[in-house]
Every structure is written in C-alpha cells, then in structure tokens.
PDB file of N, CA and C in Angstrom:
ATOM      1  N   UNK A   1     -54.358-175.688 -92.703  1.00  0.00           N
ATOM      2  CA  UNK A   1     -55.322-174.890 -91.951  1.00  0.00           C
ATOM      3  C   UNK A   1     -55.126-175.209 -90.473  1.00  0.00           C
ATOM      4  N   UNK A   2     -55.053-174.194 -89.693  1.00  0.00           N
ATOM      5  CA  UNK A   2     -54.858-174.403 -88.261  1.00  0.00           C
ATOM      6  C   UNK A   2     -56.174-174.646 -87.559  1.00  0.00           C
ATOM      7  N   UNK A   3     -56.120-174.935 -86.281  1.00  0.00           N
ATOM      8  CA  UNK A   3     -57.306-175.298 -85.492  1.00  0.00           C
ATOM      9  C   UNK A   3     -58.286-174.139 -85.377  1.00  0.00           C
ATOM     10  N   UNK A   4     -57.775-172.913 -85.295  1.00  0.00           N
ATOM     11  CA  UNK A   4     -58.667-171.752 -85.184  1.00  0.00           C
ATOM     12  C   UNK A   4     -59.451-171.560 -86.485  1.00  0.00           C
ATOM     13  N   UNK A   5     -58.813-171.735 -87.600  1.00  0.00           N
ATOM     14  CA  UNK A   5     -59.493-171.608 -88.884  1.00  0.00           C
ATOM     15  C   UNK A   5     -60.555-172.680 -89.062  1.00  0.00           C
ATOM     16  N   UNK A   6     -60.233-173.900 -88.633  1.00  0.00           N
ATOM     17  CA  UNK A   6     -61.204-174.996 -88.713  1.00  0.00           C
ATOM     18  C   UNK A   6     -62.412-174.723 -87.824  1.00  0.00           C
ATOM     19  N   UNK A   7     -62.165-174.223 -86.618  1.00  0.00           N
ATOM     20  CA  UNK A   7     -63.260-173.896 -85.700  1.00  0.00           C
ATOM     21  C   UNK A   7     -64.130-172.785 -86.281  1.00  0.00           C
ATOM     22  N   UNK A   8     -63.504-171.802 -86.923  1.00  0.00           N
ATOM     23  CA  UNK A   8     -64.259-170.702 -87.524  1.00  0.00           C
ATOM     24  C   UNK A   8     -65.140-171.215 -88.654  1.00  0.00           C
ATOM     25  N   UNK A   9     -64.629-172.106 -89.474  1.00  0.00           N
ATOM     26  CA  UNK A   9     -65.415-172.662 -90.578  1.00  0.00           C
ATOM     27  C   UNK A   9     -66.586-173.480 -90.045  1.00  0.00           C
ATOM     28  N   UNK A  10     -66.323-174.282 -89.014  1.00  0.00           N
ATOM     29  CA  UNK A  10     -67.398-175.091 -88.423  1.00  0.00           C
ATOM     30  C   UNK A  10     -68.473-174.193 -87.839  1.00  0.00           C
ATOM     31  N   UNK A  11     -68.069-173.145 -87.115  1.00  0.00           N
ATOM     32  CA  UNK A  11     -69.057-172.230 -86.538  1.00  0.00           C
ATOM     33  C   UNK A  11     -69.809-171.467 -87.629  1.00  0.00           C
ATOM     34  N   UNK A  12     -69.090-171.068 -88.661  1.00  0.00           N
ATOM     35  CA  UNK A  12     -69.707-170.274 -89.718  1.00  0.00           C
ATOM     36  C   UNK A  12     -70.755-171.064 -90.493  1.00  0.00           C
ATOM     37  N   UNK A  13     -70.457-172.311 -90.804  1.00  0.00           N
ATOM     38  CA  UNK A  13     -71.386-173.116 -91.593  1.00  0.00           C
ATOM     39  C   UNK A  13     -72.246-174.051 -90.759  1.00  0.00           C
ATOM     40  N   UNK A  14     -71.753-174.462 -89.606  1.00  0.00           N
ATOM     41  CA  UNK A  14     -72.482-175.418 -88.774  1.00  0.00           C
ATOM     42  C   UNK A  14     -73.658-174.812 -88.044  1.00  0.00           C
ATOM     43  N   UNK A  15     -73.492-173.581 -87.554  1.00  0.00           N
ATOM     44  CA  UNK A  15     -74.560-172.937 -86.781  1.00  0.00           C
ATOM     45  C   UNK A  15     -75.841-172.738 -87.602  1.00  0.00           C
ATOM     46  N   UNK A  16     -75.761-172.180 -88.814  1.00  0.00           N
ATOM     47  CA  UNK A  16     -77.005-172.053 -89.585  1.00  0.00           C
ATOM     48  C   UNK A  16     -77.650-173.391 -89.938  1.00  0.00           C
ATOM     49  N   UNK A  17     -76.819-174.391 -90.210  1.00  0.00           N
ATOM     50  CA  UNK A  17     -77.371-175.709 -90.543  1.00  0.00           C
ATOM     51  C   UNK A  17     -78.107-176.280 -89.347  1.00  0.00           C
ATOM     52  N   UNK A  18     -77.513-176.184 -88.165  1.00  0.00           N
ATOM     53  CA  UNK A  18     -78.178-176.688 -86.940  1.00  0.00           C
ATOM     54  C   UNK A  18     -79.450-175.894 -86.666  1.00  0.00           C
ATOM     55  N   UNK A  19     -79.419-174.565 -86.876  1.00  0.00           N
ATOM     56  CA  UNK A  19     -80.611-173.744 -86.653  1.00  0.00           C
ATOM     57  C   UNK A  19     -81.740-174.143 -87.603  1.00  0.00           C
ATOM     58  N   UNK A  20     -81.404-174.402 -88.852  1.00  0.00           N
ATOM     59  CA  UNK A  20     -82.424-174.814 -89.826  1.00  0.00           C
ATOM     60  C   UNK A  20     -83.011-176.167 -89.451  1.00  0.00           C
ATOM     61  N   UNK A  21     -82.169-177.096 -89.047  1.00  0.00           N
ATOM     62  CA  UNK A  21     -82.661-178.419 -88.657  1.00  0.00           C
ATOM     63  C   UNK A  21     -83.568-178.316 -87.440  1.00  0.00           C
ATOM     64  N   UNK A  22     -83.137-177.555 -86.424  1.00  0.00           N
ATOM     65  CA  UNK A  22     -83.960-177.398 -85.208  1.00  0.00           C
ATOM     66  C   UNK A  22     -85.274-176.701 -85.521  1.00  0.00           C
ATOM     67  N   UNK A  23     -85.237-175.666 -86.356  1.00  0.00           N
ATOM     68  CA  UNK A  23     -86.460-174.968 -86.733  1.00  0.00           C
ATOM     69  C   UNK A  23     -87.437-175.878 -87.453  1.00  0.00           C
ATOM     70  N   UNK A  24     -86.912-176.699 -88.339  1.00  0.00           N
ATOM     71  CA  UNK A  24     -87.760-177.650 -89.060  1.00  0.00           C
ATOM     72  C   UNK A  24     -88.389-178.653 -88.106  1.00  0.00           C
ATOM     73  N   UNK A  25     -87.611-179.153 -87.160  1.00  0.00           N
ATOM     74  CA  UNK A  25     -88.146-180.110 -86.189  1.00  0.00           C
ATOM     75  C   UNK A  25     -89.227-179.477 -85.314  1.00  0.00           C
ATOM     76  N   UNK A  26     -89.032-178.221 -84.938  1.00  0.00           N
ATOM     77  CA  UNK A  26     -90.042-177.533 -84.119  1.00  0.00           C
ATOM     78  C   UNK A  26     -91.332-177.348 -84.906  1.00  0.00           C
ATOM     79  N   UNK A  27     -91.225-176.957 -86.171  1.00  0.00           N
ATOM     80  CA  UNK A  27     -92.429-176.773 -87.001  1.00  0.00           C
ATOM     81  C   UNK A  27     -93.163-178.097 -87.164  1.00  0.00           C
ATOM     82  N   UNK A  28     -92.433-179.167 -87.388  1.00  0.00           N
ATOM     83  CA  UNK A  28     -93.064-180.477 -87.540  1.00  0.00           C
ATOM     84  C   UNK A  28     -93.734-180.911 -86.246  1.00  0.00           C
ATOM     85  N   UNK A  29     -93.093-180.640 -85.103  1.00  0.00           N
ATOM     86  CA  UNK A  29     -93.659-181.042 -83.810  1.00  0.00           C
ATOM     87  C   UNK A  29     -94.921-180.256 -83.487  1.00  0.00           C
ATOM     88  N   UNK A  30     -94.980-178.996 -83.888  1.00  0.00           N
ATOM     89  CA  UNK A  30     -96.142-178.157 -83.557  1.00  0.00           C
ATOM     90  C   UNK A  30     -97.297-178.327 -84.532  1.00  0.00           C
ATOM     91  N   UNK A  31     -97.059-178.961 -85.642  1.00  0.00           N
ATOM     92  CA  UNK A  31     -98.097-179.125 -86.650  1.00  0.00           C
ATOM     93  C   UNK A  31     -99.239-179.951 -86.074  1.00  0.00           C
ATOM     94  N   UNK A  32    -100.442-179.483 -86.286  1.00  0.00           N
ATOM     95  CA  UNK A  32    -101.613-180.195 -85.786  1.00  0.00           C
ATOM     96  C   UNK A  32    -101.859-181.423 -86.643  1.00  0.00           C
ATOM     97  N   UNK A  33    -102.261-182.507 -86.002  1.00  0.00           N
ATOM     98  CA  UNK A  33    -102.566-183.693 -86.805  1.00  0.00           C
ATOM     99  C   UNK A  33    -103.815-183.450 -87.660  1.00  0.00           C
ATOM    100  N   UNK A  34    -103.823-184.031 -88.814  1.00  0.00           N
ATOM    101  CA  UNK A  34    -104.950-183.879 -89.729  1.00  0.00           C
ATOM    102  C   UNK A  34    -105.986-184.957 -89.437  1.00  0.00           C
ATOM    103  N   UNK A  35    -107.155-184.535 -89.013  1.00  0.00           N
ATOM    104  CA  UNK A  35    -108.233-185.480 -88.737  1.00  0.00           C
ATOM    105  C   UNK A  35    -109.183-185.482 -89.923  1.00  0.00           C
ATOM    106  N   UNK A  36    -109.540-186.649 -90.346  1.00  0.00           N
ATOM    107  CA  UNK A  36    -110.522-186.774 -91.424  1.00  0.00           C
ATOM    108  C   UNK A  36    -111.907-186.680 -90.803  1.00  0.00           C
ATOM    109  N   UNK A  37    -112.808-186.067 -91.534  1.00  0.00           N
ATOM    110  CA  UNK A  37    -114.180-185.980 -91.049  1.00  0.00           C
ATOM    111  C   UNK A  37    -114.819-187.363 -91.134  1.00  0.00           C
ATOM    112  N   UNK A  38    -115.113-187.906 -89.979  1.00  0.00           N
ATOM    113  CA  UNK A  38    -115.721-189.232 -89.924  1.00  0.00           C
ATOM    114  C   UNK A  38    -117.188-189.042 -89.557  1.00  0.00           C
ATOM    115  N   UNK A  39    -118.114-189.324 -90.461  1.00  0.00           N
ATOM    116  CA  UNK A  39    -119.536-189.103 -90.170  1.00  0.00           C
ATOM    117  C   UNK A  39    -120.018-189.909 -88.974  1.00  0.00           C
ATOM    118  N   UNK A  40    -119.476-191.094 -88.797  1.00  0.00           N
ATOM    119  CA  UNK A  40    -119.886-191.926 -87.662  1.00  0.00           C
ATOM    120  C   UNK A  40    -119.452-191.282 -86.350  1.00  0.00           C
ATOM    121  N   UNK A  41    -118.242-190.749 -86.329  1.00  0.00           N
ATOM    122  CA  UNK A  41    -117.746-190.083 -85.111  1.00  0.00           C
ATOM    123  C   UNK A  41    -118.537-188.806 -84.842  1.00  0.00           C
ATOM    124  N   UNK A  42    -118.872-188.068 -85.880  1.00  0.00           N
ATOM    125  CA  UNK A  42    -119.676-186.857 -85.728  1.00  0.00           C
ATOM    126  C   UNK A  42    -121.039-187.191 -85.145  1.00  0.00           C
ATOM    127  N   UNK A  43    -121.664-188.242 -85.638  1.00  0.00           N
ATOM    128  CA  UNK A  43    -122.981-188.660 -85.137  1.00  0.00           C
ATOM    129  C   UNK A  43    -122.886-189.058 -83.671  1.00  0.00           C
ATOM    130  N   UNK A  44    -121.830-189.775 -83.291  1.00  0.00           N
ATOM    131  CA  UNK A  44    -121.664-190.203 -81.907  1.00  0.00           C
ATOM    132  C   UNK A  44    -121.485-188.998 -80.984  1.00  0.00           C
ATOM    133  N   UNK A  45    -120.705-188.009 -81.412  1.00  0.00           N
ATOM    134  CA  UNK A  45    -120.504-186.807 -80.602  1.00  0.00           C
ATOM    135  C   UNK A  45    -121.816-186.051 -80.451  1.00  0.00           C
ATOM    136  N   UNK A  46    -122.622-185.973 -81.516  1.00  0.00           N
ATOM    137  CA  UNK A  46    -123.912-185.298 -81.433  1.00  0.00           C
ATOM    138  C   UNK A  46    -124.854-186.032 -80.471  1.00  0.00           C
ATOM    139  N   UNK A  47    -124.843-187.350 -80.500  1.00  0.00           N
ATOM    140  CA  UNK A  47    -125.684-188.120 -79.575  1.00  0.00           C
ATOM    141  C   UNK A  47    -125.255-187.899 -78.135  1.00  0.00           C
ATOM    142  N   UNK A  48    -123.968-187.850 -77.893  1.00  0.00           N
ATOM    143  CA  UNK A  48    -123.472-187.577 -76.533  1.00  0.00           C
ATOM    144  C   UNK A  48    -123.926-186.190 -76.096  1.00  0.00           C
ATOM    145  N   UNK A  49    -123.836-185.212 -77.003  1.00  0.00           N
ATOM    146  CA  UNK A  49    -124.246-183.839 -76.671  1.00  0.00           C
ATOM    147  C   UNK A  49    -125.741-183.776 -76.326  1.00  0.00           C
ATOM    148  N   UNK A  50    -126.569-184.443 -77.120  1.00  0.00           N
ATOM    149  CA  UNK A  50    -128.014-184.452 -76.842  1.00  0.00           C
ATOM    150  C   UNK A  50    -128.302-185.155 -75.517  1.00  0.00           C
ATOM    151  N   UNK A  51    -127.590-186.237 -75.249  1.00  0.00           N
ATOM    152  CA  UNK A  51    -127.773-186.946 -73.976  1.00  0.00           C
ATOM    153  C   UNK A  51    -127.407-186.064 -72.799  1.00  0.00           C
ATOM    154  N   UNK A  52    -126.330-185.297 -72.929  1.00  0.00           N
ATOM    155  CA  UNK A  52    -125.932-184.395 -71.848  1.00  0.00           C
ATOM    156  C   UNK A  52    -126.947-183.273 -71.657  1.00  0.00           C
ATOM    157  N   UNK A  53    -127.539-182.794 -72.750  1.00  0.00           N
ATOM    158  CA  UNK A  53    -128.581-181.764 -72.628  1.00  0.00           C
ATOM    159  C   UNK A  53    -129.787-182.312 -71.865  1.00  0.00           C
ATOM    160  N   UNK A  54    -130.199-183.558 -72.189  1.00  0.00           N
ATOM    161  CA  UNK A  54    -131.331-184.171 -71.483  1.00  0.00           C
ATOM    162  C   UNK A  54    -130.992-184.343 -69.998  1.00  0.00           C
ATOM    163  N   UNK A  55    -129.768-184.763 -69.712  1.00  0.00           N
ATOM    164  CA  UNK A  55    -129.374-184.960 -68.323  1.00  0.00           C
ATOM    165  C   UNK A  55    -129.387-183.626 -67.570  1.00  0.00           C
ATOM    166  N   UNK A  56    -128.978-182.557 -68.240  1.00  0.00           N
ATOM    167  CA  UNK A  56    -128.993-181.240 -67.605  1.00  0.00           C
ATOM    168  C   UNK A  56    -130.424-180.827 -67.250  1.00  0.00           C
ATOM    169  N   UNK A  57    -131.377-181.081 -68.170  1.00  0.00           N
ATOM    170  CA  UNK A  57    -132.781-180.746 -67.879  1.00  0.00           C
ATOM    171  C   UNK A  57    -133.302-181.568 -66.692  1.00  0.00           C
ATOM    172  N   UNK A  58    -132.944-182.835 -66.634  1.00  0.00           N
ATOM    173  CA  UNK A  58    -133.385-183.685 -65.518  1.00  0.00           C
ATOM    174  C   UNK A  58    -132.815-183.186 -64.191  1.00  0.00           C
ATOM    175  N   UNK A  59    -131.548-182.817 -64.206  1.00  0.00           N
ATOM    176  CA  UNK A  59    -130.923-182.328 -62.972  1.00  0.00           C
ATOM    177  C   UNK A  59    -131.584-181.042 -62.525  1.00  0.00           C
ATOM    178  N   UNK A  60    -131.891-180.156 -63.475  1.00  0.00           N
ATOM    179  CA  UNK A  60    -132.576-178.912 -63.118  1.00  0.00           C
ATOM    180  C   UNK A  60    -133.946-179.210 -62.519  1.00  0.00           C
ATOM    181  N   UNK A  61    -134.656-180.192 -63.060  1.00  0.00           N
ATOM    182  CA  UNK A  61    -135.962-180.561 -62.515  1.00  0.00           C
ATOM    183  C   UNK A  61    -135.815-181.116 -61.101  1.00  0.00           C
ATOM    184  N   UNK A  62    -134.817-181.949 -60.886  1.00  0.00           N
ATOM    185  CA  UNK A  62    -134.584-182.486 -59.536  1.00  0.00           C
ATOM    186  C   UNK A  62    -134.205-181.384 -58.555  1.00  0.00           C
ATOM    187  N   UNK A  63    -133.389-180.438 -58.987  1.00  0.00           N
ATOM    188  CA  UNK A  63    -133.042-179.329 -58.105  1.00  0.00           C
ATOM    189  C   UNK A  63    -134.270-178.522 -57.744  1.00  0.00           C
ATOM    190  N   UNK A  64    -135.165-178.326 -58.713  1.00  0.00           N
ATOM    191  CA  UNK A  64    -136.392-177.589 -58.440  1.00  0.00           C
ATOM    192  C   UNK A  64    -137.221-178.326 -57.393  1.00  0.00           C
ATOM    193  N   UNK A  65    -137.332-179.631 -57.526  1.00  0.00           N
ATOM    194  CA  UNK A  65    -138.095-180.425 -56.568  1.00  0.00           C
ATOM    195  C   UNK A  65    -137.464-180.367 -55.187  1.00  0.00           C
ATOM    196  N   UNK A  66    -136.150-180.464 -55.133  1.00  0.00           N
ATOM    197  CA  UNK A  66    -135.467-180.486 -53.838  1.00  0.00           C
ATOM    198  C   UNK A  66    -135.492-179.137 -53.133  1.00  0.00           C
ATOM    199  N   UNK A  67    -135.405-178.050 -53.877  1.00  0.00           N
ATOM    200  CA  UNK A  67    -135.304-176.740 -53.263  1.00  0.00           C
ATOM    201  C   UNK A  67    -136.632-176.020 -53.109  1.00  0.00           C
ATOM    202  N   UNK A  68    -137.741-176.636 -53.560  1.00  0.00           N
ATOM    203  CA  UNK A  68    -139.049-176.020 -53.346  1.00  0.00           C
ATOM    204  C   UNK A  68    -139.349-176.014 -51.854  1.00  0.00           C
ATOM    205  N   UNK A  69    -139.997-174.964 -51.394  1.00  0.00           N
ATOM    206  CA  UNK A  69    -140.375-174.962 -49.974  1.00  0.00           C
ATOM    207  C   UNK A  69    -141.391-176.070 -49.681  1.00  0.00           C
ATOM    208  N   UNK A  70    -141.229-176.684 -48.558  1.00  0.00           N
ATOM    209  CA  UNK A  70    -142.132-177.779 -48.166  1.00  0.00           C
ATOM    210  C   UNK A  70    -143.513-177.216 -47.852  1.00  0.00           C
ATOM    211  N   UNK A  71    -144.532-178.062 -48.089  1.00  0.00           N
ATOM    212  CA  UNK A  71    -145.900-177.661 -47.761  1.00  0.00           C
ATOM    213  C   UNK A  71    -146.004-177.492 -46.255  1.00  0.00           C
ATOM    214  N   UNK A  72    -146.631-176.396 -45.843  1.00  0.00           N
ATOM    215  CA  UNK A  72    -146.739-176.118 -44.411  1.00  0.00           C
ATOM    216  C   UNK A  72    -147.985-176.721 -43.793  1.00  0.00           C
ATOM    217  N   UNK A  73    -148.863-177.418 -44.569  1.00  0.00           N
ATOM    218  CA  UNK A  73    -150.083-177.970 -43.981  1.00  0.00           C
ATOM    219  C   UNK A  73    -149.825-179.256 -43.220  1.00  0.00           C
ATOM    220  N   UNK A  74    -148.683-179.786 -43.219  1.00  0.00           N
ATOM    221  CA  UNK A  74    -148.460-181.060 -42.528  1.00  0.00           C
ATOM    222  C   UNK A  74    -148.404-180.906 -41.071  1.00  0.00           C
TER     223      UNK A  74
END
C-alpha cells in the first residue's frame, strides 16, 4: 500500500472516530451536575430569602423617613 492509500484510509476511518470522541467530550462537559435535594440547604436558602425581604422592608421605611418633607413649623 502506498502513502496515498494509507492517508486515505486514515482520513476515511480516523475523521469519524475523532468526531465521535469530540462530540462525546462536549456532551459530557455541557452536562449539568446533579445536585441532591438537601433539606438543610433548602432551609438555609429560605432563611436568607426571608432575611432579605425583612431588610428590604426596613430600607423602604428608612427611605420614607428620609424623603418625607420636613416639618415647616420649626
């Protein structure tokens, strides 16, 4: 077999094999990690969310106090 025939065989069989390997690696890389539902982590996230809601209400109250017009009787 001459060099041209060998190159043709390598291209004919090597290209699909490389494409399949690269495609498999891309699919594996893009796969989302599987997270287990952790009740403790869920509870902590809910507590953080409630704390942020309370902080938002406090900030709104402070903004109301700061932006109210001053009493003119002074």
